[in-house]
PDB file of N, CA and C in Angstrom:
ATOM      1  N   MET A   1      -9.996   3.394  -8.377  1.00  0.00           N
ATOM      2  CA  MET A   1      -9.780   2.201  -7.602  1.00  0.00           C
ATOM      3  C   MET A   1      -9.445   2.635  -6.192  1.00  0.00           C
ATOM      4  N   ARG A   2     -10.002   1.935  -5.219  1.00  0.00           N
ATOM      5  CA  ARG A   2      -9.770   2.291  -3.842  1.00  0.00           C
ATOM      6  C   ARG A   2      -9.452   1.042  -3.027  1.00  0.00           C
ATOM      7  N   GLY A   3      -8.595   1.220  -2.033  1.00  0.00           N
ATOM      8  CA  GLY A   3      -8.262   0.115  -1.162  1.00  0.00           C
ATOM      9  C   GLY A   3      -9.418  -0.357  -0.305  1.00  0.00           C
ATOM     10  N   THR A   4     -10.301   0.541   0.039  1.00  0.00           N
ATOM     11  CA  THR A   4     -11.440   0.181   0.875  1.00  0.00           C
ATOM     12  C   THR A   4     -12.749   0.583   0.215  1.00  0.00           C
ATOM     13  N   ALA A   5     -12.771   0.632  -1.086  1.00  0.00           N
ATOM     14  CA  ALA A   5     -13.946   1.123  -1.812  1.00  0.00           C
ATOM     15  C   ALA A   5     -15.127   0.187  -1.655  1.00  0.00           C
ATOM     16  N   GLU A   6     -16.290   0.802  -1.511  1.00  0.00           N
ATOM     17  CA  GLU A   6     -17.524   0.036  -1.527  1.00  0.00           C
ATOM     18  C   GLU A   6     -18.024   0.010  -2.957  1.00  0.00           C
ATOM     19  N   ALA A   7     -18.780  -0.998  -3.301  1.00  0.00           N
ATOM     20  CA  ALA A   7     -19.299  -1.124  -4.659  1.00  0.00           C
ATOM     21  C   ALA A   7     -20.193   0.059  -4.992  1.00  0.00           C
ATOM     22  N   LEU A   8     -20.006   0.588  -6.181  1.00  0.00           N
ATOM     23  CA  LEU A   8     -20.840   1.674  -6.676  1.00  0.00           C
ATOM     24  C   LEU A   8     -21.960   1.081  -7.504  1.00  0.00           C
ATOM     25  N   PRO A   9     -23.070   1.792  -7.626  1.00  0.00           N
ATOM     26  CA  PRO A   9     -24.171   1.282  -8.455  1.00  0.00           C
ATOM     27  C   PRO A   9     -23.705   1.038  -9.893  1.00  0.00           C
ATOM     28  N   ASN A  10     -24.177  -0.009 -10.502  1.00  0.00           N
ATOM     29  CA  ASN A  10     -23.867  -0.363 -11.897  1.00  0.00           C
ATOM     30  C   ASN A  10     -22.398  -0.667 -12.146  1.00  0.00           C
ATOM     31  N   THR A  11     -21.651  -1.052 -11.108  1.00  0.00           N
ATOM     32  CA  THR A  11     -20.260  -1.441 -11.301  1.00  0.00           C
ATOM     33  C   THR A  11     -20.054  -2.866 -10.825  1.00  0.00           C
ATOM     34  N   THR A  12     -18.994  -3.461 -11.325  1.00  0.00           N
ATOM     35  CA  THR A  12     -18.612  -4.794 -10.887  1.00  0.00           C
ATOM     36  C   THR A  12     -17.107  -4.823 -10.684  1.00  0.00           C
ATOM     37  N   SER A  13     -16.647  -5.618  -9.746  1.00  0.00           N
ATOM     38  CA  SER A  13     -15.222  -5.761  -9.496  1.00  0.00           C
ATOM     39  C   SER A  13     -14.657  -6.779 -10.486  1.00  0.00           C
ATOM     40  N   MET A  14     -13.720  -6.326 -11.303  1.00  0.00           N
ATOM     41  CA  MET A  14     -13.097  -7.210 -12.301  1.00  0.00           C
ATOM     42  C   MET A  14     -11.933  -7.982 -11.706  1.00  0.00           C
ATOM     43  N   GLU A  15     -11.117  -7.304 -10.925  1.00  0.00           N
ATOM     44  CA  GLU A  15      -9.908  -7.896 -10.358  1.00  0.00           C
ATOM     45  C   GLU A  15      -9.672  -7.312  -8.973  1.00  0.00           C
ATOM     46  N   THR A  16      -8.947  -8.040  -8.155  1.00  0.00           N
ATOM     47  CA  THR A  16      -8.487  -7.534  -6.869  1.00  0.00           C
ATOM     48  C   THR A  16      -6.976  -7.696  -6.837  1.00  0.00           C
ATOM     49  N   VAL A  17      -6.288  -6.619  -6.483  1.00  0.00           N
ATOM     50  CA  VAL A  17      -4.830  -6.637  -6.384  1.00  0.00           C
ATOM     51  C   VAL A  17      -4.490  -6.582  -4.906  1.00  0.00           C
ATOM     52  N   VAL A  18      -3.610  -7.469  -4.463  1.00  0.00           N
ATOM     53  CA  VAL A  18      -3.178  -7.513  -3.070  1.00  0.00           C
ATOM     54  C   VAL A  18      -1.701  -7.151  -3.033  1.00  0.00           C
ATOM     55  N   CYS A  19      -1.352  -6.165  -2.222  1.00  0.00           N
ATOM     56  CA  CYS A  19       0.043  -5.776  -2.081  1.00  0.00           C
ATOM     57  C   CYS A  19       0.814  -6.926  -1.442  1.00  0.00           C
ATOM     58  N   GLY A  20       1.875  -7.360  -2.105  1.00  0.00           N
ATOM     59  CA  GLY A  20       2.680  -8.474  -1.618  1.00  0.00           C
ATOM     60  C   GLY A  20       3.465  -8.146  -0.355  1.00  0.00           C
ATOM     61  N   LYS A  21       3.640  -6.868  -0.066  1.00  0.00           N
ATOM     62  CA  LYS A  21       4.432  -6.452   1.095  1.00  0.00           C
ATOM     63  C   LYS A  21       3.574  -6.264   2.352  1.00  0.00           C
ATOM     64  N   CYS A  22       2.421  -5.585   2.198  1.00  0.00           N
ATOM     65  CA  CYS A  22       1.623  -5.264   3.391  1.00  0.00           C
ATOM     66  C   CYS A  22       0.235  -5.905   3.397  1.00  0.00           C
ATOM     67  N   GLY A  23      -0.185  -6.471   2.269  1.00  0.00           N
ATOM     68  CA  GLY A  23      -1.464  -7.160   2.219  1.00  0.00           C
ATOM     69  C   GLY A  23      -2.669  -6.280   1.937  1.00  0.00           C
ATOM     70  N   GLN A  24      -2.457  -4.967   1.748  1.00  0.00           N
ATOM     71  CA  GLN A  24      -3.598  -4.097   1.447  1.00  0.00           C
ATOM     72  C   GLN A  24      -4.209  -4.512   0.112  1.00  0.00           C
ATOM     73  N   ARG A  25      -5.549  -4.493   0.050  1.00  0.00           N
ATOM     74  CA  ARG A  25      -6.270  -4.967  -1.133  1.00  0.00           C
ATOM     75  C   ARG A  25      -6.867  -3.788  -1.891  1.00  0.00           C
ATOM     76  N   PHE A  26      -6.816  -3.897  -3.227  1.00  0.00           N
ATOM     77  CA  PHE A  26      -7.377  -2.877  -4.108  1.00  0.00           C
ATOM     78  C   PHE A  26      -8.248  -3.564  -5.142  1.00  0.00           C
ATOM     79  N   ALA A  27      -9.420  -3.011  -5.362  1.00  0.00           N
ATOM     80  CA  ALA A  27     -10.352  -3.568  -6.352  1.00  0.00           C
ATOM     81  C   ALA A  27     -10.337  -2.704  -7.602  1.00  0.00           C
ATOM     82  N   ILE A  28     -10.301  -3.361  -8.760  1.00  0.00           N
ATOM     83  CA  ILE A  28     -10.444  -2.667 -10.039  1.00  0.00           C
ATOM     84  C   ILE A  28     -11.884  -2.875 -10.457  1.00  0.00           C
ATOM     85  N   ARG A  29     -12.618  -1.779 -10.523  1.00  0.00           N
ATOM     86  CA  ARG A  29     -14.051  -1.838 -10.817  1.00  0.00           C
ATOM     87  C   ARG A  29     -14.349  -1.203 -12.162  1.00  0.00           C
ATOM     88  N   TYR A  30     -15.371  -1.740 -12.812  1.00  0.00           N
ATOM     89  CA  TYR A  30     -15.804  -1.235 -14.112  1.00  0.00           C
ATOM     90  C   TYR A  30     -17.301  -1.040 -14.118  1.00  0.00           C
ATOM     91  N   ASP A  31     -17.736  -0.126 -14.963  1.00  0.00           N
ATOM     92  CA  ASP A  31     -19.155   0.007 -15.262  1.00  0.00           C
ATOM     93  C   ASP A  31     -19.563  -1.304 -15.922  1.00  0.00           C
ATOM     94  N   VAL A  32     -20.690  -1.852 -15.540  1.00  0.00           N
ATOM     95  CA  VAL A  32     -21.149  -3.143 -16.054  1.00  0.00           C
ATOM     96  C   VAL A  32     -21.208  -3.139 -17.585  1.00  0.00           C
ATOM     97  N   ALA A  33     -21.536  -2.012 -18.181  1.00  0.00           N
ATOM     98  CA  ALA A  33     -21.661  -1.925 -19.639  1.00  0.00           C
ATOM     99  C   ALA A  33     -20.312  -1.831 -20.344  1.00  0.00           C
ATOM    100  N   ALA A  34     -19.214  -1.656 -19.611  1.00  0.00           N
ATOM    101  CA  ALA A  34     -17.913  -1.433 -20.242  1.00  0.00           C
ATOM    102  C   ALA A  34     -16.851  -2.434 -19.774  1.00  0.00           C
ATOM    103  N   LEU A  35     -17.215  -3.675 -19.585  1.00  0.00           N
ATOM    104  CA  LEU A  35     -16.258  -4.681 -19.115  1.00  0.00           C
ATOM    105  C   LEU A  35     -15.220  -4.977 -20.191  1.00  0.00           C
ATOM    106  N   ASN A  36     -13.952  -5.041 -19.782  1.00  0.00           N
ATOM    107  CA  ASN A  36     -12.864  -5.312 -20.705  1.00  0.00           C
ATOM    108  C   ASN A  36     -11.799  -6.121 -19.955  1.00  0.00           C
ATOM    109  N   VAL A  37     -11.801  -7.412 -20.153  1.00  0.00           N
ATOM    110  CA  VAL A  37     -10.919  -8.312 -19.411  1.00  0.00           C
ATOM    111  C   VAL A  37      -9.446  -8.034 -19.708  1.00  0.00           C
ATOM    112  N   GLU A  38      -9.091  -7.805 -20.950  1.00  0.00           N
ATOM    113  CA  GLU A  38      -7.688  -7.560 -21.306  1.00  0.00           C
ATOM    114  C   GLU A  38      -7.173  -6.270 -20.670  1.00  0.00           C
ATOM    115  N   LEU A  39      -7.979  -5.222 -20.699  1.00  0.00           N
ATOM    116  CA  LEU A  39      -7.589  -3.967 -20.069  1.00  0.00           C
ATOM    117  C   LEU A  39      -7.418  -4.167 -18.565  1.00  0.00           C
ATOM    118  N   ALA A  40      -8.306  -4.907 -17.941  1.00  0.00           N
ATOM    119  CA  ALA A  40      -8.203  -5.175 -16.506  1.00  0.00           C
ATOM    120  C   ALA A  40      -6.898  -5.888 -16.173  1.00  0.00           C
ATOM    121  N   LYS A  41      -6.479  -6.829 -17.002  1.00  0.00           N
ATOM    122  CA  LYS A  41      -5.213  -7.543 -16.760  1.00  0.00           C
ATOM    123  C   LYS A  41      -4.024  -6.589 -16.823  1.00  0.00           C
ATOM    124  N   ARG A  42      -4.032  -5.671 -17.805  1.00  0.00           N
ATOM    125  CA  ARG A  42      -2.943  -4.694 -17.907  1.00  0.00           C
ATOM    126  C   ARG A  42      -2.957  -3.751 -16.712  1.00  0.00           C
ATOM    127  N   GLN A  43      -4.146  -3.396 -16.252  1.00  0.00           N
ATOM    128  CA  GLN A  43      -4.249  -2.504 -15.108  1.00  0.00           C
ATOM    129  C   GLN A  43      -3.786  -3.186 -13.821  1.00  0.00           C
ATOM    130  N   VAL A  44      -4.012  -4.480 -13.698  1.00  0.00           N
ATOM    131  CA  VAL A  44      -3.507  -5.232 -12.538  1.00  0.00           C
ATOM    132  C   VAL A  44      -1.985  -5.138 -12.494  1.00  0.00           C
ATOM    133  N   SER A  45      -1.327  -5.327 -13.625  1.00  0.00           N
ATOM    134  CA  SER A  45       0.141  -5.217 -13.679  1.00  0.00           C
ATOM    135  C   SER A  45       0.594  -3.820 -13.283  1.00  0.00           C
ATOM    136  N   PHE A  46      -0.101  -2.809 -13.794  1.00  0.00           N
ATOM    137  CA  PHE A  46       0.230  -1.425 -13.486  1.00  0.00           C
ATOM    138  C   PHE A  46       0.107  -1.163 -11.980  1.00  0.00           C
ATOM    139  N   VAL A  47      -0.995  -1.579 -11.382  1.00  0.00           N
ATOM    140  CA  VAL A  47      -1.223  -1.343  -9.953  1.00  0.00           C
ATOM    141  C   VAL A  47      -0.192  -2.101  -9.122  1.00  0.00           C
ATOM    142  N   THR A  48       0.105  -3.322  -9.495  1.00  0.00           N
ATOM    143  CA  THR A  48       1.103  -4.118  -8.775  1.00  0.00           C
ATOM    144  C   THR A  48       2.443  -3.395  -8.747  1.00  0.00           C
ATOM    145  N   GLU A  49       2.865  -2.839  -9.881  1.00  0.00           N
ATOM    146  CA  GLU A  49       4.122  -2.087  -9.947  1.00  0.00           C
ATOM    147  C   GLU A  49       4.064  -0.840  -9.074  1.00  0.00           C
ATOM    148  N   GLN A  50       2.923  -0.151  -9.074  1.00  0.00           N
ATOM    149  CA  GLN A  50       2.773   1.048  -8.252  1.00  0.00           C
ATOM    150  C   GLN A  50       2.890   0.713  -6.768  1.00  0.00           C
ATOM    151  N   LEU A  51       2.326  -0.410  -6.351  1.00  0.00           N
ATOM    152  CA  LEU A  51       2.388  -0.804  -4.947  1.00  0.00           C
ATOM    153  C   LEU A  51       3.817  -1.123  -4.525  1.00  0.00           C
ATOM    154  N   VAL A  52       4.569  -1.773  -5.405  1.00  0.00           N
ATOM    155  CA  VAL A  52       5.980  -2.061  -5.126  1.00  0.00           C
ATOM    156  C   VAL A  52       6.746  -0.746  -4.955  1.00  0.00           C
ATOM    157  N   TRP A  53       6.524   0.204  -5.858  1.00  0.00           N
ATOM    158  CA  TRP A  53       7.213   1.499  -5.782  1.00  0.00           C
ATOM    159  C   TRP A  53       6.848   2.268  -4.520  1.00  0.00           C
ATOM    160  N   ASP A  54       5.614   2.155  -4.086  1.00  0.00           N
ATOM    161  CA  ASP A  54       5.228   2.812  -2.832  1.00  0.00           C
ATOM    162  C   ASP A  54       6.113   2.340  -1.690  1.00  0.00           C
ATOM    163  N   HIS A  55       6.357   1.043  -1.617  1.00  0.00           N
ATOM    164  CA  HIS A  55       7.190   0.503  -0.533  1.00  0.00           C
ATOM    165  C   HIS A  55       8.657   0.863  -0.725  1.00  0.00           C
ATOM    166  N   ILE A  56       9.144   0.837  -1.949  1.00  0.00           N
ATOM    167  CA  ILE A  56      10.533   1.226  -2.209  1.00  0.00           C
ATOM    168  C   ILE A  56      10.754   2.671  -1.777  1.00  0.00           C
ATOM    169  N   GLN A  57       9.786   3.532  -2.053  1.00  0.00           N
ATOM    170  CA  GLN A  57       9.906   4.956  -1.711  1.00  0.00           C
ATOM    171  C   GLN A  57       9.404   5.254  -0.296  1.00  0.00           C
ATOM    172  N   GLU A  58       9.046   4.205   0.437  1.00  0.00           N
ATOM    173  CA  GLU A  58       8.604   4.307   1.829  1.00  0.00           C
ATOM    174  C   GLU A  58       7.453   5.301   2.001  1.00  0.00           C
ATOM    175  N   ARG A  59       6.433   5.164   1.152  1.00  0.00           N
ATOM    176  CA  ARG A  59       5.241   5.998   1.275  1.00  0.00           C
ATOM    177  C   ARG A  59       4.015   5.105   1.369  1.00  0.00           C
ATOM    178  N   LYS A  60       2.952   5.672   1.936  1.00  0.00           N
ATOM    179  CA  LYS A  60       1.700   4.937   2.073  1.00  0.00           C
ATOM    180  C   LYS A  60       1.043   4.780   0.702  1.00  0.00           C
ATOM    181  N   HIS A  61       0.285   3.720   0.553  1.00  0.00           N
ATOM    182  CA  HIS A  61      -0.482   3.550  -0.673  1.00  0.00           C
ATOM    183  C   HIS A  61      -1.575   4.618  -0.715  1.00  0.00           C
ATOM    184  N   PRO A  62      -1.813   5.191  -1.890  1.00  0.00           N
ATOM    185  CA  PRO A  62      -2.906   6.165  -1.985  1.00  0.00           C
ATOM    186  C   PRO A  62      -4.250   5.468  -1.903  1.00  0.00           C
ATOM    187  N   GLY A  63      -5.280   6.217  -1.593  1.00  0.00           N
ATOM    188  CA  GLY A  63      -6.627   5.653  -1.532  1.00  0.00           C
ATOM    189  C   GLY A  63      -7.155   5.308  -2.903  1.00  0.00           C
ATOM    190  N   THR A  64      -6.712   6.062  -3.912  1.00  0.00           N
ATOM    191  CA  THR A  64      -7.112   5.787  -5.296  1.00  0.00           C
ATOM    192  C   THR A  64      -5.892   5.877  -6.188  1.00  0.00           C
ATOM    193  N   ILE A  65      -5.929   5.166  -7.287  1.00  0.00           N
ATOM    194  CA  ILE A  65      -4.861   5.194  -8.285  1.00  0.00           C
ATOM    195  C   ILE A  65      -5.511   5.409  -9.631  1.00  0.00           C
ATOM    196  N   GLU A  66      -5.041   6.412 -10.356  1.00  0.00           N
ATOM    197  CA  GLU A  66      -5.549   6.655 -11.693  1.00  0.00           C
ATOM    198  C   GLU A  66      -5.042   5.546 -12.606  1.00  0.00           C
ATOM    199  N   LEU A  67      -5.956   4.841 -13.227  1.00  0.00           N
ATOM    200  CA  LEU A  67      -5.597   3.695 -14.067  1.00  0.00           C
ATOM    201  C   LEU A  67      -5.417   4.107 -15.520  1.00  0.00           C
ATOM    202  N   PRO A  68      -4.420   3.506 -16.196  1.00  0.00           N
ATOM    203  CA  PRO A  68      -4.257   3.780 -17.628  1.00  0.00           C
ATOM    204  C   PRO A  68      -5.412   3.125 -18.405  1.00  0.00           C
ATOM    205  N   ASN A  69      -5.823   3.745 -19.479  1.00  0.00           N
ATOM    206  CA  ASN A  69      -6.921   3.221 -20.301  1.00  0.00           C
ATOM    207  C   ASN A  69      -6.441   2.407 -21.487  1.00  0.00           C
ATOM    208  N   VAL A  70      -5.137   2.238 -21.627  1.00  0.00           N
ATOM    209  CA  VAL A  70      -4.597   1.463 -22.751  1.00  0.00           C
ATOM    210  C   VAL A  70      -3.763   0.321 -22.282  1.00  0.00           C
TER     211      VAL A  70
END
């Protein structure tokens, strides 16, 4: 997932997470053949928490975040 990622071939954006503090946007993308709405919802929660922690720890958001698969 990237804050400024361009669409990759054969992928679709499932969700967009917006940082509540600075407004930076992150897209959660999936291979078209592997769409999973429930997993995307859990990943949105995970990314949202990571963005909050970035601000608490006064660090910049990373360009990519490794997403949990469960």
